[in-house]
Amino acid sequence: MRRNLIPQALLALLTVLTIGAVVLSVRAVPDAATEAVHSATAATFGSPAGSHSVSLTLESNVSAGQGAGTLTQILRITYVAPDTMTVYRASAPAANLGPVAASKIAGTLKGYAAVTGGPTPWTGTGSQFRRTESLAPFSLRVYQKKALPGTVTESVTVKDGYLVSIHFTVVVDNQNSAVGETYRIISIGGKPVAAVAP
């Protein structure tokens, strides 16, 4: 009887280990929505970020609460790979803000691409995807800075495997203010977004 207990114990252990491995592998595979967003981000900004040219507008909105109004600024950023980035202010008063220092270009592009990263899964189908995550990991990932407790609501539009727009709204806990940013992709690799996909 004792001779038969050992194979049975090994069989039970192998069964548990196999089930555990299956569960871990399922958890490690990103869902379709998250994979679509991450793939579109890499196609848009390059992998690594900055490996091809990209042009976009960046609209920033700061709201100080009900009745306080909203401050809006629109920038147009043109990046020509591998090392030239120019910023124009499209909102009034319009102005050429000049080139971005070469030493800061890589970090700027990584910050744009990092908005859609992180472990929080995306949901949605077709071209529209969204998610909500905590502000602390978002701020560390995108800005490399610590932040107060809060939430970030994000949405993206994907077309033909590329990002068309990225929008996020930051709300800090126990504060009436909100900060929103919208990236609208104009061109990728020198081609308008509508003409990028073959």
C-alpha atoms as a PDB file:
ATOM      1  CA  MET A   1       0.000   0.000   0.000  1.00  0.00           C
ATOM      2  CA  ARG A   2       2.781   2.424   0.876  1.00  0.00           C
ATOM      3  CA  ARG A   3       4.391   1.749  -2.521  1.00  0.00           C
ATOM      4  CA  ASN A   4       1.270   3.085  -4.319  1.00  0.00           C
ATOM      5  CA  LEU A   5       1.048   6.257  -2.218  1.00  0.00           C
ATOM      6  CA  ILE A   6       4.176   7.808  -3.744  1.00  0.00           C
ATOM      7  CA  PRO A   7       3.009   7.777  -7.393  1.00  0.00           C
ATOM      8  CA  GLN A   8      -0.407   9.103  -6.317  1.00  0.00           C
ATOM      9  CA  ALA A   9       1.215  11.939  -4.356  1.00  0.00           C
ATOM     10  CA  LEU A  10       3.424  12.805  -7.314  1.00  0.00           C
ATOM     11  CA  LEU A  11       0.436  12.719  -9.640  1.00  0.00           C
ATOM     12  CA  ALA A  12      -1.497  15.086  -7.349  1.00  0.00           C
ATOM     13  CA  LEU A  13       1.477  17.451  -7.145  1.00  0.00           C
ATOM     14  CA  LEU A  14       1.953  17.454 -10.922  1.00  0.00           C
ATOM     15  CA  THR A  15      -1.753  18.178 -11.392  1.00  0.00           C
ATOM     16  CA  VAL A  16      -1.586  21.184  -9.051  1.00  0.00           C
ATOM     17  CA  LEU A  17       1.560  22.499 -10.745  1.00  0.00           C
ATOM     18  CA  THR A  18       0.020  22.094 -14.208  1.00  0.00           C
ATOM     19  CA  ILE A  19      -3.143  23.970 -13.213  1.00  0.00           C
ATOM     20  CA  GLY A  20      -1.044  26.734 -11.677  1.00  0.00           C
ATOM     21  CA  ALA A  21       1.052  27.061 -14.820  1.00  0.00           C
ATOM     22  CA  VAL A  22      -2.064  27.314 -16.987  1.00  0.00           C
ATOM     23  CA  VAL A  23      -3.531  30.032 -14.749  1.00  0.00           C
ATOM     24  CA  LEU A  24      -0.281  32.024 -14.826  1.00  0.00           C
ATOM     25  CA  SER A  25       0.000  31.744 -18.587  1.00  0.00           C
ATOM     26  CA  VAL A  26      -3.559  32.965 -19.040  1.00  0.00           C
ATOM     27  CA  ARG A  27      -2.906  35.935 -16.785  1.00  0.00           C
ATOM     28  CA  ALA A  28       0.340  36.745 -18.621  1.00  0.00           C
ATOM     29  CA  VAL A  29      -1.337  37.012 -22.030  1.00  0.00           C
ATOM     30  CA  PRO A  30      -2.804  40.499 -22.576  1.00  0.00           C
ATOM     31  CA  ASP A  31      -6.431  40.680 -23.676  1.00  0.00           C
ATOM     32  CA  ALA A  32      -7.309  41.729 -27.222  1.00  0.00           C
ATOM     33  CA  ALA A  33      -8.158  45.340 -26.336  1.00  0.00           C
ATOM     34  CA  THR A  34      -4.915  45.915 -24.423  1.00  0.00           C
ATOM     35  CA  GLU A  35      -2.877  44.258 -27.168  1.00  0.00           C
ATOM     36  CA  ALA A  36      -4.561  46.438 -29.818  1.00  0.00           C
ATOM     37  CA  VAL A  37      -3.728  49.639 -27.921  1.00  0.00           C
ATOM     38  CA  HIS A  38      -0.148  48.666 -27.163  1.00  0.00           C
ATOM     39  CA  SER A  39       0.486  47.561 -30.754  1.00  0.00           C
ATOM     40  CA  ALA A  40      -1.005  50.795 -32.119  1.00  0.00           C
ATOM     41  CA  THR A  41       1.202  52.810 -29.746  1.00  0.00           C
ATOM     42  CA  ALA A  42       4.340  51.055 -30.985  1.00  0.00           C
ATOM     43  CA  ALA A  43       3.277  51.545 -34.609  1.00  0.00           C
ATOM     44  CA  THR A  44       2.613  55.251 -34.012  1.00  0.00           C
ATOM     45  CA  PHE A  45       5.598  56.338 -31.934  1.00  0.00           C
ATOM     46  CA  GLY A  46       8.008  53.610 -33.019  1.00  0.00           C
ATOM     47  CA  SER A  47       9.598  50.797 -31.096  1.00  0.00           C
ATOM     48  CA  PRO A  48      11.621  52.112 -29.406  1.00  0.00           C
ATOM     49  CA  ALA A  49       9.785  55.435 -29.291  1.00  0.00           C
ATOM     50  CA  GLY A  50      11.385  57.895 -31.702  1.00  0.00           C
ATOM     51  CA  SER A  51      12.489  55.395 -34.332  1.00  0.00           C
ATOM     52  CA  HIS A  52      10.399  57.220 -36.938  1.00  0.00           C
ATOM     53  CA  SER A  53       8.988  60.717 -37.421  1.00  0.00           C
ATOM     54  CA  VAL A  54       5.631  61.767 -35.977  1.00  0.00           C
ATOM     55  CA  SER A  55       3.617  64.980 -35.839  1.00  0.00           C
ATOM     56  CA  LEU A  56       0.773  65.692 -33.421  1.00  0.00           C
ATOM     57  CA  THR A  57      -1.232  68.359 -31.653  1.00  0.00           C
ATOM     58  CA  LEU A  58      -1.359  68.458 -27.880  1.00  0.00           C
ATOM     59  CA  GLU A  59      -4.341  70.205 -26.321  1.00  0.00           C
ATOM     60  CA  SER A  60      -4.151  70.852 -22.574  1.00  0.00           C
ATOM     61  CA  ASN A  61      -7.162  71.931 -20.513  1.00  0.00           C
ATOM     62  CA  VAL A  62      -7.067  72.973 -16.867  1.00  0.00           C
ATOM     63  CA  SER A  63     -10.342  73.417 -15.014  1.00  0.00           C
ATOM     64  CA  ALA A  64     -10.367  74.952 -11.532  1.00  0.00           C
ATOM     65  CA  GLY A  65     -13.920  73.872 -10.746  1.00  0.00           C
ATOM     66  CA  GLN A  66     -17.466  74.976 -11.386  1.00  0.00           C
ATOM     67  CA  GLY A  67     -17.726  78.612 -12.474  1.00  0.00           C
ATOM     68  CA  ALA A  68     -13.948  79.113 -12.648  1.00  0.00           C
ATOM     69  CA  GLY A  69     -13.609  78.518 -16.377  1.00  0.00           C
ATOM     70  CA  THR A  70     -11.088  76.431 -18.289  1.00  0.00           C
ATOM     71  CA  LEU A  71      -7.631  77.361 -19.502  1.00  0.00           C
ATOM     72  CA  THR A  72      -6.727  75.826 -22.855  1.00  0.00           C
ATOM     73  CA  GLN A  73      -3.442  75.634 -24.747  1.00  0.00           C
ATOM     74  CA  ILE A  74      -2.846  73.870 -28.051  1.00  0.00           C
ATOM     75  CA  LEU A  75       0.641  72.926 -29.188  1.00  0.00           C
ATOM     76  CA  ARG A  76       1.760  71.379 -32.442  1.00  0.00           C
ATOM     77  CA  ILE A  77       4.770  69.107 -32.039  1.00  0.00           C
ATOM     78  CA  THR A  78       6.741  67.960 -35.061  1.00  0.00           C
ATOM     79  CA  TYR A  79       9.391  65.293 -34.560  1.00  0.00           C
ATOM     80  CA  VAL A  80      11.707  64.408 -37.433  1.00  0.00           C
ATOM     81  CA  ALA A  81      13.736  61.299 -36.668  1.00  0.00           C
ATOM     82  CA  PRO A  82      16.277  60.894 -35.325  1.00  0.00           C
ATOM     83  CA  ASP A  83      16.965  64.108 -33.405  1.00  0.00           C
ATOM     84  CA  THR A  84      14.819  67.137 -34.331  1.00  0.00           C
ATOM     85  CA  MET A  85      11.675  68.267 -32.513  1.00  0.00           C
ATOM     86  CA  THR A  86       9.966  71.630 -32.961  1.00  0.00           C
ATOM     87  CA  VAL A  87       7.057  73.045 -30.962  1.00  0.00           C
ATOM     88  CA  TYR A  88       4.515  75.601 -32.209  1.00  0.00           C
ATOM     89  CA  ARG A  89       1.804  77.158 -30.086  1.00  0.00           C
ATOM     90  CA  ALA A  90      -1.365  76.948 -32.177  1.00  0.00           C
ATOM     91  CA  SER A  91      -3.645  78.610 -29.620  1.00  0.00           C
ATOM     92  CA  ALA A  92      -3.592  82.381 -29.230  1.00  0.00           C
ATOM     93  CA  PRO A  93      -1.147  83.965 -29.207  1.00  0.00           C
ATOM     94  CA  ALA A  94       0.312  81.668 -31.885  1.00  0.00           C
ATOM     95  CA  ALA A  95       4.083  81.406 -31.806  1.00  0.00           C
ATOM     96  CA  ASN A  96       7.020  79.262 -32.805  1.00  0.00           C
ATOM     97  CA  LEU A  97       8.355  78.066 -29.460  1.00  0.00           C
ATOM     98  CA  GLY A  98      11.469  76.702 -31.100  1.00  0.00           C
ATOM     99  CA  PRO A  99      13.303  73.395 -31.002  1.00  0.00           C
ATOM    100  CA  VAL A 100      13.366  70.963 -28.105  1.00  0.00           C
ATOM    101  CA  ALA A 101      16.842  70.283 -26.767  1.00  0.00           C
ATOM    102  CA  ALA A 102      18.219  67.081 -28.272  1.00  0.00           C
ATOM    103  CA  SER A 103      18.855  65.674 -24.797  1.00  0.00           C
ATOM    104  CA  LYS A 104      15.132  65.912 -23.964  1.00  0.00           C
ATOM    105  CA  ILE A 105      13.606  64.515 -27.148  1.00  0.00           C
ATOM    106  CA  ALA A 106      13.836  60.821 -26.225  1.00  0.00           C
ATOM    107  CA  GLY A 107      12.233  61.406 -22.825  1.00  0.00           C
ATOM    108  CA  THR A 108       9.443  63.492 -24.367  1.00  0.00           C
ATOM    109  CA  LEU A 109       8.541  60.800 -26.899  1.00  0.00           C
ATOM    110  CA  LYS A 110       8.721  58.072 -24.278  1.00  0.00           C
ATOM    111  CA  GLY A 111       6.316  60.111 -22.154  1.00  0.00           C
ATOM    112  CA  TYR A 112       3.805  60.316 -25.012  1.00  0.00           C
ATOM    113  CA  ALA A 113       4.019  56.578 -25.659  1.00  0.00           C
ATOM    114  CA  ALA A 114       3.900  55.773 -21.926  1.00  0.00           C
ATOM    115  CA  VAL A 115       0.371  57.179 -21.558  1.00  0.00           C
ATOM    116  CA  THR A 116      -1.115  53.975 -22.985  1.00  0.00           C
ATOM    117  CA  GLY A 117       1.303  51.661 -21.143  1.00  0.00           C
ATOM    118  CA  GLY A 118       1.158  50.198 -17.664  1.00  0.00           C
ATOM    119  CA  PRO A 119      -0.540  47.079 -16.294  1.00  0.00           C
ATOM    120  CA  THR A 120      -4.126  48.383 -16.167  1.00  0.00           C
ATOM    121  CA  PRO A 121      -6.038  46.620 -18.973  1.00  0.00           C
ATOM    122  CA  TRP A 122      -7.908  48.469 -21.691  1.00  0.00           C
ATOM    123  CA  THR A 123     -11.503  47.690 -22.616  1.00  0.00           C
ATOM    124  CA  GLY A 124     -13.413  48.257 -25.823  1.00  0.00           C
ATOM    125  CA  THR A 125     -13.682  46.943 -29.348  1.00  0.00           C
ATOM    126  CA  GLY A 126     -13.335  48.305 -32.851  1.00  0.00           C
ATOM    127  CA  SER A 127     -11.628  51.695 -32.755  1.00  0.00           C
ATOM    128  CA  GLN A 128     -12.579  52.980 -29.283  1.00  0.00           C
ATOM    129  CA  PHE A 129     -10.816  51.883 -26.084  1.00  0.00           C
ATOM    130  CA  ARG A 130     -10.873  53.211 -22.520  1.00  0.00           C
ATOM    131  CA  ARG A 131      -9.726  52.553 -18.961  1.00  0.00           C
ATOM    132  CA  THR A 132      -9.350  54.169 -15.523  1.00  0.00           C
ATOM    133  CA  GLU A 133      -6.224  53.852 -13.387  1.00  0.00           C
ATOM    134  CA  SER A 134      -4.682  55.367 -10.277  1.00  0.00           C
ATOM    135  CA  LEU A 135      -2.835  58.655 -10.656  1.00  0.00           C
ATOM    136  CA  ALA A 136       0.301  57.586  -8.773  1.00  0.00           C
ATOM    137  CA  PRO A 137       1.544  54.906 -11.226  1.00  0.00           C
ATOM    138  CA  PHE A 138       0.404  57.000 -14.202  1.00  0.00           C
ATOM    139  CA  SER A 139       2.458  60.000 -13.047  1.00  0.00           C
ATOM    140  CA  LEU A 140       5.550  57.901 -12.396  1.00  0.00           C
ATOM    141  CA  ARG A 141       5.229  56.224 -15.793  1.00  0.00           C
ATOM    142  CA  VAL A 142       4.516  59.319 -17.885  1.00  0.00           C
ATOM    143  CA  TYR A 143       6.196  62.173 -15.999  1.00  0.00           C
ATOM    144  CA  GLN A 144       8.651  60.311 -13.719  1.00  0.00           C
ATOM    145  CA  LYS A 145       7.143  62.229 -10.787  1.00  0.00           C
ATOM    146  CA  LYS A 146       5.228  61.290  -7.667  1.00  0.00           C
ATOM    147  CA  ALA A 147       1.635  62.494  -7.448  1.00  0.00           C
ATOM    148  CA  LEU A 148      -1.169  62.972  -4.962  1.00  0.00           C
ATOM    149  CA  PRO A 149      -3.875  60.282  -4.776  1.00  0.00           C
ATOM    150  CA  GLY A 150      -6.286  60.506  -7.659  1.00  0.00           C
ATOM    151  CA  THR A 151      -7.573  58.846 -10.808  1.00  0.00           C
ATOM    152  CA  VAL A 152      -6.860  59.077 -14.518  1.00  0.00           C
ATOM    153  CA  THR A 153      -9.553  58.320 -17.095  1.00  0.00           C
ATOM    154  CA  GLU A 154      -8.111  57.509 -20.497  1.00  0.00           C
ATOM    155  CA  SER A 155      -9.495  56.869 -23.973  1.00  0.00           C
ATOM    156  CA  VAL A 156      -7.865  56.211 -27.328  1.00  0.00           C
ATOM    157  CA  THR A 157      -8.985  55.904 -30.924  1.00  0.00           C
ATOM    158  CA  VAL A 158      -7.224  53.361 -33.142  1.00  0.00           C
ATOM    159  CA  LYS A 159      -7.485  53.275 -36.929  1.00  0.00           C
ATOM    160  CA  ASP A 160      -5.786  50.779 -39.228  1.00  0.00           C
ATOM    161  CA  GLY A 161      -3.456  49.738 -36.418  1.00  0.00           C
ATOM    162  CA  TYR A 162      -2.315  53.269 -35.550  1.00  0.00           C
ATOM    163  CA  LEU A 163      -3.297  55.710 -32.830  1.00  0.00           C
ATOM    164  CA  VAL A 164      -5.486  58.559 -34.077  1.00  0.00           C
ATOM    165  CA  SER A 165      -6.031  60.235 -30.715  1.00  0.00           C
ATOM    166  CA  ILE A 166      -5.250  59.856 -27.017  1.00  0.00           C
ATOM    167  CA  HIS A 167      -7.203  61.622 -24.303  1.00  0.00           C
ATOM    168  CA  PHE A 168      -6.840  61.542 -20.535  1.00  0.00           C
ATOM    169  CA  THR A 169      -8.336  63.452 -17.629  1.00  0.00           C
ATOM    170  CA  VAL A 170      -6.578  63.682 -14.267  1.00  0.00           C
ATOM    171  CA  VAL A 171      -8.631  64.270 -11.125  1.00  0.00           C
ATOM    172  CA  VAL A 172      -6.855  64.622  -7.774  1.00  0.00           C
ATOM    173  CA  ASP A 173      -8.786  63.353  -4.747  1.00  0.00           C
ATOM    174  CA  ASN A 174     -10.560  66.020  -2.664  1.00  0.00           C
ATOM    175  CA  GLN A 175      -9.874  68.767  -5.214  1.00  0.00           C
ATOM    176  CA  ASN A 176     -12.267  70.484  -7.604  1.00  0.00           C
ATOM    177  CA  SER A 177      -9.715  70.955 -10.370  1.00  0.00           C
ATOM    178  CA  ALA A 178      -9.137  68.641 -13.323  1.00  0.00           C
ATOM    179  CA  VAL A 179      -6.442  68.492 -15.985  1.00  0.00           C
ATOM    180  CA  GLY A 180      -7.128  67.043 -19.417  1.00  0.00           C
ATOM    181  CA  GLU A 181      -4.821  66.395 -22.356  1.00  0.00           C
ATOM    182  CA  THR A 182      -5.654  65.281 -25.878  1.00  0.00           C
ATOM    183  CA  TYR A 183      -3.090  64.116 -28.425  1.00  0.00           C
ATOM    184  CA  ARG A 184      -4.251  64.106 -32.057  1.00  0.00           C
ATOM    185  CA  ILE A 185      -1.865  62.393 -34.422  1.00  0.00           C
ATOM    186  CA  ILE A 186      -1.328  64.353 -37.653  1.00  0.00           C
ATOM    187  CA  SER A 187       1.266  62.294 -39.465  1.00  0.00           C
ATOM    188  CA  ILE A 188       3.475  59.249 -38.976  1.00  0.00           C
ATOM    189  CA  GLY A 189       6.672  58.784 -40.927  1.00  0.00           C
ATOM    190  CA  GLY A 190       5.872  61.939 -42.882  1.00  0.00           C
ATOM    191  CA  LYS A 191       2.513  60.625 -44.112  1.00  0.00           C
ATOM    192  CA  PRO A 192      -0.901  61.912 -42.968  1.00  0.00           C
ATOM    193  CA  VAL A 193      -2.565  59.456 -40.593  1.00  0.00           C
ATOM    194  CA  ALA A 194      -5.301  58.645 -43.126  1.00  0.00           C
ATOM    195  CA  ALA A 195      -2.647  57.560 -45.619  1.00  0.00           C
ATOM    196  CA  VAL A 196      -0.289  55.707 -43.293  1.00  0.00           C
ATOM    197  CA  ALA A 197      -1.794  52.226 -43.441  1.00  0.00           C
ATOM    198  CA  PRO A 198      -1.219  50.391 -46.758  1.00  0.00           C
END
